[in-house]
Amino acid sequence: FFFSSRRRHTRCSRDWSSDVCSSDLNTRVTAVAGFFIDHTSSASMSHPSSTLQIPDTALVPNHVAVIMDGNGRWATQRYLPRVAGHAKGVEVVRTIVKACVARGVGYLTLFAFSSENWRRPADEVSVLMRLFAGALEREVDKMHAAGIRLRVVGDLSRFDRRLHQLIEQAEIGRAHV
């Protein structure tokens, strides 16, 4: 999902695949004492950093990205069904969106459903799709009233027709079809 304020909105392409937005990175790099260490190479090589000093930045970031991961594990650890964790995730998204608006964050990107999620049990995927549709139906009007614009990016081809309609209507500013 891609949220932005109307005043700072830029176009996003629908041809981004979920794989591109995946949290799985081929290379992990850690900044350690001014050097970058590549954790994927067989022999660690150190390279001097070109950013030895931290540049000045605004107190509030313009863009915040959140990888929504672990909702099912959160529920399981509390002896709840996994779907309870996903429902709690929807509440957390609401809190995050409100906090970003209150603090003046220009863009919020939520990585919410990757191509790997289609491998989950069919009933869990069905619940996730119903949660997404329900959130669109309940929240989009409130978001638009607050000046928030919604863009959904990634491979939407496996979503059902109803969810496609809700996404389309949400993106143009009407929550209900």
N, C-alpha and C. Protein backbone atom coordinates (compact mmCIF):
# COMPACT_ATOMS: atom_id res chain seq x y z
N PHE A 1 0.84 -1.17 0.00
CA PHE A 1 0.00 0.00 0.00
C PHE A 1 0.88 1.22 0.00
N PHE A 2 0.44 2.28 -0.62
CA PHE A 2 1.20 3.51 -0.63
C PHE A 2 0.26 4.63 -0.23
N PHE A 3 0.56 5.29 0.86
CA PHE A 3 -0.26 6.40 1.32
C PHE A 3 0.54 7.68 1.13
N SER A 4 -0.11 8.74 0.74
CA SER A 4 0.57 10.03 0.71
C SER A 4 -0.46 11.13 0.94
N SER A 5 0.05 12.26 1.36
CA SER A 5 -0.86 13.39 1.48
C SER A 5 -1.13 13.90 0.08
N ARG A 6 -2.28 14.50 -0.15
CA ARG A 6 -2.63 14.96 -1.49
C ARG A 6 -1.64 16.00 -2.00
N ARG A 7 -1.15 16.82 -1.11
CA ARG A 7 -0.27 17.91 -1.55
C ARG A 7 1.09 17.43 -2.02
N ARG A 8 1.48 16.22 -1.62
CA ARG A 8 2.80 15.73 -1.99
C ARG A 8 2.73 14.47 -2.83
N HIS A 9 1.59 14.14 -3.37
CA HIS A 9 1.40 12.88 -4.07
C HIS A 9 2.18 12.85 -5.39
N THR A 10 2.81 11.73 -5.65
CA THR A 10 3.43 11.48 -6.95
C THR A 10 2.88 10.19 -7.49
N ARG A 11 2.91 10.04 -8.80
CA ARG A 11 2.36 8.83 -9.42
C ARG A 11 3.25 7.63 -9.12
N CYS A 12 2.61 6.50 -8.91
CA CYS A 12 3.32 5.24 -8.71
C CYS A 12 2.87 4.29 -9.80
N SER A 13 3.78 3.50 -10.25
CA SER A 13 3.49 2.56 -11.32
C SER A 13 2.87 1.30 -10.75
N ARG A 14 1.88 0.74 -11.42
CA ARG A 14 1.25 -0.52 -10.99
C ARG A 14 2.08 -1.72 -11.41
N ASP A 15 3.14 -1.52 -12.19
CA ASP A 15 3.88 -2.68 -12.66
C ASP A 15 4.96 -3.11 -11.67
N TRP A 16 5.02 -2.51 -10.48
CA TRP A 16 5.94 -3.00 -9.46
C TRP A 16 5.43 -4.35 -9.01
N SER A 17 6.28 -5.33 -8.97
CA SER A 17 5.83 -6.64 -8.51
C SER A 17 5.99 -6.73 -7.01
N SER A 18 5.24 -7.63 -6.41
CA SER A 18 5.36 -7.85 -4.97
C SER A 18 6.76 -8.31 -4.63
N ASP A 19 7.41 -9.00 -5.55
CA ASP A 19 8.77 -9.47 -5.27
C ASP A 19 9.72 -8.31 -5.08
N VAL A 20 9.52 -7.22 -5.83
CA VAL A 20 10.37 -6.06 -5.69
C VAL A 20 10.18 -5.45 -4.31
N CYS A 21 8.96 -5.49 -3.79
CA CYS A 21 8.66 -4.89 -2.50
C CYS A 21 8.87 -5.87 -1.36
N SER A 22 9.43 -7.01 -1.65
CA SER A 22 9.63 -8.02 -0.62
C SER A 22 10.68 -7.57 0.38
N SER A 23 10.57 -8.07 1.59
CA SER A 23 11.55 -7.74 2.61
C SER A 23 12.80 -8.61 2.51
N ASP A 24 12.79 -9.60 1.61
CA ASP A 24 13.96 -10.45 1.45
C ASP A 24 15.00 -9.72 0.62
N LEU A 25 16.14 -9.44 1.20
CA LEU A 25 17.20 -8.76 0.49
C LEU A 25 18.29 -9.76 0.16
N ASN A 26 18.89 -9.63 -1.03
CA ASN A 26 19.97 -10.52 -1.42
C ASN A 26 21.26 -10.19 -0.68
N THR A 27 21.42 -8.94 -0.31
CA THR A 27 22.64 -8.51 0.35
C THR A 27 22.28 -7.72 1.59
N ARG A 28 22.89 -8.06 2.71
CA ARG A 28 22.73 -7.29 3.92
C ARG A 28 24.02 -6.52 4.14
N VAL A 29 23.90 -5.24 4.36
CA VAL A 29 25.08 -4.41 4.58
C VAL A 29 24.91 -3.71 5.91
N THR A 30 25.96 -3.74 6.72
CA THR A 30 25.92 -3.10 8.02
C THR A 30 26.99 -2.02 8.07
N ALA A 31 26.63 -0.85 8.55
CA ALA A 31 27.61 0.22 8.74
C ALA A 31 28.25 0.02 10.11
N VAL A 32 29.55 -0.18 10.12
CA VAL A 32 30.27 -0.39 11.37
C VAL A 32 31.47 0.54 11.38
N ALA A 33 31.46 1.50 12.29
CA ALA A 33 32.59 2.40 12.50
C ALA A 33 33.12 2.99 11.20
N GLY A 34 32.24 3.45 10.35
CA GLY A 34 32.68 4.11 9.12
C GLY A 34 33.03 3.16 7.99
N PHE A 35 32.83 1.86 8.17
CA PHE A 35 33.12 0.90 7.12
C PHE A 35 31.88 0.09 6.82
N PHE A 36 31.74 -0.39 5.59
CA PHE A 36 30.61 -1.22 5.21
C PHE A 36 31.12 -2.65 5.06
N ILE A 37 30.43 -3.58 5.66
CA ILE A 37 30.83 -4.98 5.58
C ILE A 37 29.73 -5.72 4.84
N ASP A 38 30.10 -6.39 3.77
CA ASP A 38 29.15 -7.16 2.98
C ASP A 38 29.03 -8.54 3.61
N HIS A 39 27.83 -8.86 4.14
CA HIS A 39 27.63 -10.13 4.84
C HIS A 39 27.41 -11.31 3.91
N THR A 40 27.34 -11.06 2.60
CA THR A 40 27.08 -12.17 1.69
C THR A 40 28.34 -12.71 1.04
N SER A 41 29.44 -11.98 1.12
CA SER A 41 30.66 -12.47 0.49
C SER A 41 31.35 -13.50 1.37
N SER A 42 32.12 -14.38 0.75
CA SER A 42 32.78 -15.43 1.51
C SER A 42 33.89 -14.86 2.38
N ALA A 43 34.59 -13.87 1.88
CA ALA A 43 35.62 -13.20 2.68
C ALA A 43 35.16 -11.77 2.89
N SER A 44 35.06 -11.35 4.13
CA SER A 44 34.58 -9.99 4.42
C SER A 44 35.57 -8.97 3.89
N MET A 45 35.04 -8.01 3.15
CA MET A 45 35.85 -6.91 2.64
C MET A 45 35.34 -5.64 3.30
N SER A 46 36.24 -4.77 3.67
CA SER A 46 35.86 -3.50 4.26
C SER A 46 36.14 -2.39 3.26
N HIS A 47 35.21 -1.43 3.20
CA HIS A 47 35.35 -0.29 2.31
C HIS A 47 35.13 0.97 3.13
N PRO A 48 36.00 1.97 2.97
CA PRO A 48 35.77 3.21 3.72
C PRO A 48 34.43 3.83 3.33
N SER A 49 33.72 4.35 4.29
CA SER A 49 32.42 4.96 4.04
C SER A 49 32.58 6.36 3.50
N SER A 50 31.71 6.72 2.57
CA SER A 50 31.70 8.09 2.06
C SER A 50 30.83 8.99 2.92
N THR A 51 30.19 8.41 3.93
CA THR A 51 29.31 9.19 4.81
C THR A 51 29.79 9.07 6.25
N LEU A 52 30.97 9.60 6.51
CA LEU A 52 31.51 9.54 7.85
C LEU A 52 30.75 10.45 8.81
N GLN A 53 30.11 11.47 8.25
CA GLN A 53 29.30 12.36 9.09
C GLN A 53 27.84 12.17 8.72
N ILE A 54 26.98 12.31 9.70
CA ILE A 54 25.55 12.19 9.45
C ILE A 54 25.04 13.54 8.95
N PRO A 55 24.41 13.56 7.77
CA PRO A 55 23.93 14.83 7.23
C PRO A 55 22.75 15.36 8.05
N ASP A 56 22.57 16.69 8.03
CA ASP A 56 21.43 17.30 8.70
C ASP A 56 20.14 16.85 8.02
N THR A 57 19.13 16.56 8.81
CA THR A 57 17.84 16.15 8.27
C THR A 57 16.74 16.82 9.07
N ALA A 58 15.55 16.76 8.55
CA ALA A 58 14.39 17.29 9.27
C ALA A 58 14.09 16.38 10.46
N LEU A 59 13.42 16.91 11.45
CA LEU A 59 13.06 16.12 12.62
C LEU A 59 12.03 15.05 12.28
N VAL A 60 11.20 15.30 11.29
CA VAL A 60 10.17 14.34 10.87
C VAL A 60 10.53 13.86 9.47
N PRO A 61 10.62 12.55 9.27
CA PRO A 61 10.96 12.06 7.93
C PRO A 61 9.82 12.35 6.95
N ASN A 62 10.18 12.52 5.70
CA ASN A 62 9.19 12.72 4.66
C ASN A 62 8.52 11.40 4.27
N HIS A 63 9.26 10.30 4.42
CA HIS A 63 8.75 8.99 4.00
C HIS A 63 9.08 7.96 5.07
N VAL A 64 8.08 7.20 5.48
CA VAL A 64 8.25 6.10 6.42
C VAL A 64 7.74 4.84 5.74
N ALA A 65 8.51 3.76 5.83
CA ALA A 65 8.09 2.47 5.27
C ALA A 65 8.04 1.44 6.39
N VAL A 66 7.00 0.62 6.37
CA VAL A 66 6.80 -0.40 7.39
C VAL A 66 6.58 -1.74 6.70
N ILE A 67 7.35 -2.74 7.11
CA ILE A 67 7.13 -4.10 6.64
C ILE A 67 6.24 -4.77 7.68
N MET A 68 5.03 -5.07 7.28
CA MET A 68 4.06 -5.67 8.20
C MET A 68 4.33 -7.17 8.27
N ASP A 69 5.03 -7.58 9.30
CA ASP A 69 5.43 -8.97 9.42
C ASP A 69 5.28 -9.39 10.87
N GLY A 70 4.85 -10.60 11.12
CA GLY A 70 4.83 -11.13 12.46
C GLY A 70 3.49 -11.08 13.16
N ASN A 71 2.43 -10.66 12.47
CA ASN A 71 1.12 -10.61 13.11
C ASN A 71 0.63 -11.99 13.54
N GLY A 72 0.83 -12.97 12.68
CA GLY A 72 0.43 -14.34 13.03
C GLY A 72 1.24 -14.89 14.19
N ARG A 73 2.56 -14.63 14.19
CA ARG A 73 3.40 -15.07 15.30
C ARG A 73 3.00 -14.38 16.60
N TRP A 74 2.66 -13.09 16.51
CA TRP A 74 2.22 -12.33 17.68
C TRP A 74 1.01 -13.04 18.31
N ALA A 75 0.05 -13.41 17.47
CA ALA A 75 -1.16 -14.06 17.98
C ALA A 75 -0.83 -15.44 18.55
N THR A 76 -0.03 -16.21 17.85
CA THR A 76 0.32 -17.55 18.30
C THR A 76 1.01 -17.51 19.66
N GLN A 77 1.88 -16.55 19.86
CA GLN A 77 2.57 -16.42 21.15
C GLN A 77 1.60 -16.11 22.29
N ARG A 78 0.43 -15.59 21.96
CA ARG A 78 -0.58 -15.26 22.96
C ARG A 78 -1.70 -16.30 22.99
N TYR A 79 -1.45 -17.43 22.33
CA TYR A 79 -2.42 -18.54 22.27
C TYR A 79 -3.73 -18.11 21.62
N LEU A 80 -3.62 -17.24 20.63
CA LEU A 80 -4.76 -16.78 19.85
C LEU A 80 -4.63 -17.36 18.44
N PRO A 81 -5.73 -17.45 17.70
CA PRO A 81 -5.61 -17.88 16.30
C PRO A 81 -4.82 -16.84 15.50
N ARG A 82 -4.11 -17.31 14.49
CA ARG A 82 -3.28 -16.40 13.67
C ARG A 82 -4.09 -15.24 13.11
N VAL A 83 -5.35 -15.50 12.75
CA VAL A 83 -6.17 -14.44 12.16
C VAL A 83 -6.41 -13.30 13.15
N ALA A 84 -6.36 -13.60 14.46
CA ALA A 84 -6.50 -12.53 15.46
C ALA A 84 -5.32 -11.56 15.35
N GLY A 85 -4.16 -12.09 15.03
CA GLY A 85 -2.99 -11.24 14.83
C GLY A 85 -3.14 -10.36 13.61
N HIS A 86 -3.72 -10.90 12.56
CA HIS A 86 -3.93 -10.10 11.34
C HIS A 86 -4.95 -9.00 11.60
N ALA A 87 -5.99 -9.31 12.34
CA ALA A 87 -6.98 -8.29 12.69
C ALA A 87 -6.34 -7.19 13.54
N LYS A 88 -5.48 -7.58 14.46
CA LYS A 88 -4.76 -6.60 15.28
C LYS A 88 -3.86 -5.74 14.39
N GLY A 89 -3.29 -6.34 13.35
CA GLY A 89 -2.45 -5.59 12.40
C GLY A 89 -3.21 -4.46 11.73
N VAL A 90 -4.50 -4.68 11.43
CA VAL A 90 -5.32 -3.63 10.83
C VAL A 90 -5.45 -2.46 11.81
N GLU A 91 -5.64 -2.77 13.10
CA GLU A 91 -5.72 -1.70 14.11
C GLU A 91 -4.40 -0.93 14.19
N VAL A 92 -3.29 -1.65 14.12
CA VAL A 92 -1.98 -1.01 14.19
C VAL A 92 -1.78 -0.09 12.98
N VAL A 93 -2.23 -0.52 11.81
CA VAL A 93 -2.12 0.34 10.62
C VAL A 93 -2.87 1.64 10.84
N ARG A 94 -4.06 1.56 11.39
CA ARG A 94 -4.84 2.76 11.68
C ARG A 94 -4.05 3.71 12.59
N THR A 95 -3.44 3.17 13.62
CA THR A 95 -2.64 3.96 14.56
C THR A 95 -1.44 4.59 13.86
N ILE A 96 -0.77 3.82 13.01
CA ILE A 96 0.40 4.33 12.28
C ILE A 96 -0.01 5.46 11.35
N VAL A 97 -1.11 5.28 10.61
CA VAL A 97 -1.57 6.31 9.67
C VAL A 97 -1.88 7.60 10.43
N LYS A 98 -2.61 7.48 11.55
CA LYS A 98 -2.95 8.67 12.34
C LYS A 98 -1.69 9.37 12.86
N ALA A 99 -0.72 8.59 13.33
CA ALA A 99 0.52 9.17 13.85
C ALA A 99 1.29 9.89 12.75
N CYS A 100 1.32 9.32 11.57
CA CYS A 100 2.03 9.95 10.44
C CYS A 100 1.35 11.26 10.05
N VAL A 101 0.03 11.26 10.00
CA VAL A 101 -0.70 12.49 9.67
C VAL A 101 -0.43 13.55 10.73
N ALA A 102 -0.52 13.16 12.01
CA ALA A 102 -0.32 14.12 13.11
C ALA A 102 1.08 14.72 13.10
N ARG A 103 2.06 13.96 12.66
CA ARG A 103 3.44 14.43 12.68
C ARG A 103 3.89 15.05 11.37
N GLY A 104 3.05 14.99 10.35
CA GLY A 104 3.39 15.62 9.08
C GLY A 104 4.26 14.79 8.17
N VAL A 105 4.25 13.47 8.34
CA VAL A 105 4.98 12.58 7.43
C VAL A 105 4.29 12.65 6.07
N GLY A 106 5.03 12.88 5.01
CA GLY A 106 4.44 13.04 3.70
C GLY A 106 3.99 11.75 3.05
N TYR A 107 4.73 10.67 3.25
CA TYR A 107 4.45 9.40 2.59
C TYR A 107 4.61 8.25 3.59
N LEU A 108 3.69 7.32 3.53
CA LEU A 108 3.77 6.09 4.33
C LEU A 108 3.59 4.93 3.38
N THR A 109 4.56 4.04 3.35
CA THR A 109 4.48 2.83 2.53
C THR A 109 4.36 1.64 3.46
N LEU A 110 3.34 0.81 3.22
CA LEU A 110 3.14 -0.40 4.00
C LEU A 110 3.33 -1.60 3.09
N PHE A 111 4.30 -2.43 3.40
CA PHE A 111 4.50 -3.67 2.67
C PHE A 111 3.67 -4.71 3.40
N ALA A 112 2.50 -5.03 2.85
CA ALA A 112 1.51 -5.78 3.61
C ALA A 112 1.28 -7.20 3.12
N PHE A 113 1.48 -7.47 1.87
CA PHE A 113 1.16 -8.80 1.34
C PHE A 113 2.10 -9.09 0.18
N SER A 114 3.04 -9.99 0.41
CA SER A 114 4.01 -10.32 -0.64
C SER A 114 3.56 -11.56 -1.40
N SER A 115 4.24 -11.84 -2.47
CA SER A 115 3.90 -13.01 -3.28
C SER A 115 4.05 -14.30 -2.46
N GLU A 116 4.94 -14.31 -1.48
CA GLU A 116 5.11 -15.50 -0.64
C GLU A 116 3.86 -15.77 0.20
N ASN A 117 3.08 -14.74 0.50
CA ASN A 117 1.88 -14.91 1.32
C ASN A 117 0.83 -15.78 0.64
N TRP A 118 0.87 -15.91 -0.69
CA TRP A 118 -0.08 -16.77 -1.38
C TRP A 118 0.15 -18.23 -1.04
N ARG A 119 1.32 -18.56 -0.47
CA ARG A 119 1.62 -19.95 -0.09
C ARG A 119 1.02 -20.34 1.26
N ARG A 120 0.42 -19.40 1.95
CA ARG A 120 -0.21 -19.70 3.24
C ARG A 120 -1.45 -20.55 3.00
N PRO A 121 -1.98 -21.16 4.06
CA PRO A 121 -3.22 -21.93 3.89
C PRO A 121 -4.32 -21.06 3.28
N ALA A 122 -5.14 -21.67 2.42
CA ALA A 122 -6.18 -20.92 1.69
C ALA A 122 -7.12 -20.17 2.63
N ASP A 123 -7.47 -20.78 3.77
CA ASP A 123 -8.38 -20.08 4.68
C ASP A 123 -7.73 -18.84 5.29
N GLU A 124 -6.43 -18.89 5.55
CA GLU A 124 -5.73 -17.71 6.09
C GLU A 124 -5.65 -16.60 5.04
N VAL A 125 -5.35 -16.97 3.79
CA VAL A 125 -5.31 -15.97 2.71
C VAL A 125 -6.69 -15.35 2.54
N SER A 126 -7.74 -16.16 2.61
CA SER A 126 -9.10 -15.66 2.49
C SER A 126 -9.41 -14.64 3.58
N VAL A 127 -9.00 -14.93 4.80
CA VAL A 127 -9.22 -13.99 5.91
C VAL A 127 -8.45 -12.69 5.66
N LEU A 128 -7.22 -12.80 5.19
CA LEU A 128 -6.43 -11.60 4.89
C LEU A 128 -7.11 -10.73 3.83
N MET A 129 -7.65 -11.36 2.80
CA MET A 129 -8.34 -10.61 1.74
C MET A 129 -9.61 -9.94 2.29
N ARG A 130 -10.34 -10.66 3.15
CA ARG A 130 -11.54 -10.06 3.75
C ARG A 130 -11.18 -8.91 4.67
N LEU A 131 -10.10 -9.04 5.42
CA LEU A 131 -9.65 -7.93 6.27
C LEU A 131 -9.28 -6.71 5.43
N PHE A 132 -8.60 -6.94 4.33
CA PHE A 132 -8.21 -5.84 3.44
C PHE A 132 -9.45 -5.17 2.86
N ALA A 133 -10.38 -5.96 2.36
CA ALA A 133 -11.62 -5.40 1.79
C ALA A 133 -12.40 -4.64 2.85
N GLY A 134 -12.52 -5.20 4.04
CA GLY A 134 -13.24 -4.52 5.11
C GLY A 134 -12.58 -3.21 5.51
N ALA A 135 -11.24 -3.21 5.56
CA ALA A 135 -10.53 -1.98 5.89
C ALA A 135 -10.76 -0.92 4.82
N LEU A 136 -10.75 -1.33 3.57
CA LEU A 136 -11.02 -0.37 2.49
C LEU A 136 -12.43 0.22 2.65
N GLU A 137 -13.40 -0.64 2.92
CA GLU A 137 -14.79 -0.17 3.05
C GLU A 137 -14.96 0.77 4.24
N ARG A 138 -14.28 0.50 5.33
CA ARG A 138 -14.47 1.31 6.56
C ARG A 138 -13.58 2.55 6.63
N GLU A 139 -12.37 2.47 6.11
CA GLU A 139 -11.38 3.50 6.41
C GLU A 139 -11.12 4.53 5.31
N VAL A 140 -11.42 4.19 4.08
CA VAL A 140 -11.01 5.07 2.98
C VAL A 140 -11.67 6.44 3.05
N ASP A 141 -12.96 6.51 3.35
CA ASP A 141 -13.61 7.82 3.45
C ASP A 141 -12.94 8.68 4.53
N LYS A 142 -12.60 8.06 5.64
CA LYS A 142 -11.91 8.79 6.72
C LYS A 142 -10.54 9.28 6.26
N MET A 143 -9.84 8.44 5.53
CA MET A 143 -8.52 8.83 5.04
C MET A 143 -8.62 10.00 4.08
N HIS A 144 -9.57 9.92 3.14
CA HIS A 144 -9.73 11.01 2.18
C HIS A 144 -10.14 12.30 2.87
N ALA A 145 -10.99 12.20 3.89
CA ALA A 145 -11.40 13.39 4.65
C ALA A 145 -10.21 14.02 5.36
N ALA A 146 -9.22 13.20 5.72
CA ALA A 146 -8.01 13.70 6.38
C ALA A 146 -6.95 14.14 5.39
N GLY A 147 -7.27 14.10 4.09
CA GLY A 147 -6.31 14.53 3.07
C GLY A 147 -5.29 13.47 2.69
N ILE A 148 -5.61 12.22 2.95
CA ILE A 148 -4.71 11.12 2.65
C ILE A 148 -5.14 10.45 1.36
N ARG A 149 -4.19 10.23 0.49
CA ARG A 149 -4.47 9.55 -0.77
C ARG A 149 -3.91 8.14 -0.70
N LEU A 150 -4.63 7.18 -1.20
CA LEU A 150 -4.25 5.77 -1.17
C LEU A 150 -3.85 5.31 -2.56
N ARG A 151 -2.71 4.60 -2.63
CA ARG A 151 -2.29 3.92 -3.85
C ARG A 151 -1.90 2.50 -3.46
N VAL A 152 -2.38 1.53 -4.19
CA VAL A 152 -2.01 0.14 -3.97
C VAL A 152 -1.10 -0.24 -5.12
N VAL A 153 0.08 -0.72 -4.80
CA VAL A 153 1.05 -1.09 -5.84
C VAL A 153 1.42 -2.55 -5.69
N GLY A 154 1.86 -3.14 -6.75
CA GLY A 154 2.26 -4.54 -6.75
C GLY A 154 1.42 -5.33 -7.74
N ASP A 155 1.59 -6.61 -7.70
CA ASP A 155 0.86 -7.52 -8.59
C ASP A 155 -0.51 -7.81 -7.98
N LEU A 156 -1.53 -7.22 -8.54
CA LEU A 156 -2.89 -7.38 -8.03
C LEU A 156 -3.67 -8.44 -8.80
N SER A 157 -3.03 -9.13 -9.72
CA SER A 157 -3.74 -10.02 -10.64
C SER A 157 -4.48 -11.17 -9.94
N ARG A 158 -4.03 -11.60 -8.79
CA ARG A 158 -4.68 -12.73 -8.11
C ARG A 158 -5.80 -12.28 -7.17
N PHE A 159 -5.97 -10.97 -6.99
CA PHE A 159 -7.07 -10.48 -6.16
C PHE A 159 -8.38 -10.69 -6.89
N ASP A 160 -9.46 -10.94 -6.14
CA ASP A 160 -10.74 -11.17 -6.79
C ASP A 160 -11.32 -9.85 -7.32
N ARG A 161 -12.34 -9.98 -8.14
CA ARG A 161 -12.95 -8.83 -8.82
C ARG A 161 -13.44 -7.77 -7.83
N ARG A 162 -14.08 -8.20 -6.77
CA ARG A 162 -14.61 -7.27 -5.76
C ARG A 162 -13.49 -6.44 -5.12
N LEU A 163 -12.38 -7.10 -4.79
CA LEU A 163 -11.26 -6.38 -4.19
C LEU A 163 -10.65 -5.40 -5.20
N HIS A 164 -10.56 -5.80 -6.46
CA HIS A 164 -10.10 -4.87 -7.52
C HIS A 164 -10.99 -3.63 -7.56
N GLN A 165 -12.30 -3.82 -7.49
CA GLN A 165 -13.23 -2.69 -7.52
C GLN A 165 -13.03 -1.77 -6.32
N LEU A 166 -12.88 -2.35 -5.14
CA LEU A 166 -12.67 -1.55 -3.93
C LEU A 166 -11.37 -0.76 -4.02
N ILE A 167 -10.33 -1.38 -4.51
CA ILE A 167 -9.04 -0.69 -4.66
C ILE A 167 -9.18 0.46 -5.64
N GLU A 168 -9.79 0.20 -6.78
CA GLU A 168 -9.98 1.24 -7.80
C GLU A 168 -10.76 2.42 -7.25
N GLN A 169 -11.85 2.13 -6.56
CA GLN A 169 -12.68 3.20 -5.99
C GLN A 169 -11.93 3.95 -4.88
N ALA A 170 -11.15 3.24 -4.08
CA ALA A 170 -10.38 3.87 -3.02
C ALA A 170 -9.34 4.81 -3.60
N GLU A 171 -8.73 4.40 -4.70
CA GLU A 171 -7.69 5.23 -5.31
C GLU A 171 -8.24 6.50 -5.92
N ILE A 172 -9.49 6.48 -6.36
CA ILE A 172 -10.06 7.69 -6.95
C ILE A 172 -10.89 8.49 -5.96
N GLY A 173 -11.00 7.98 -4.73
CA GLY A 173 -11.61 8.79 -3.68
C GLY A 173 -13.00 8.39 -3.23
N ARG A 174 -13.51 7.26 -3.69
CA ARG A 174 -14.81 6.81 -3.22
C ARG A 174 -14.64 5.42 -2.61
N ALA A 175 -15.01 5.29 -1.35
CA ALA A 175 -14.76 4.02 -0.65
C ALA A 175 -15.73 2.93 -1.05
N HIS A 176 -16.96 3.27 -1.42
CA HIS A 176 -17.95 2.23 -1.72
C HIS A 176 -18.28 2.21 -3.20
N VAL A 177 -18.37 0.99 -3.72
CA VAL A 177 -18.67 0.81 -5.15
C VAL A 177 -20.17 0.84 -5.35
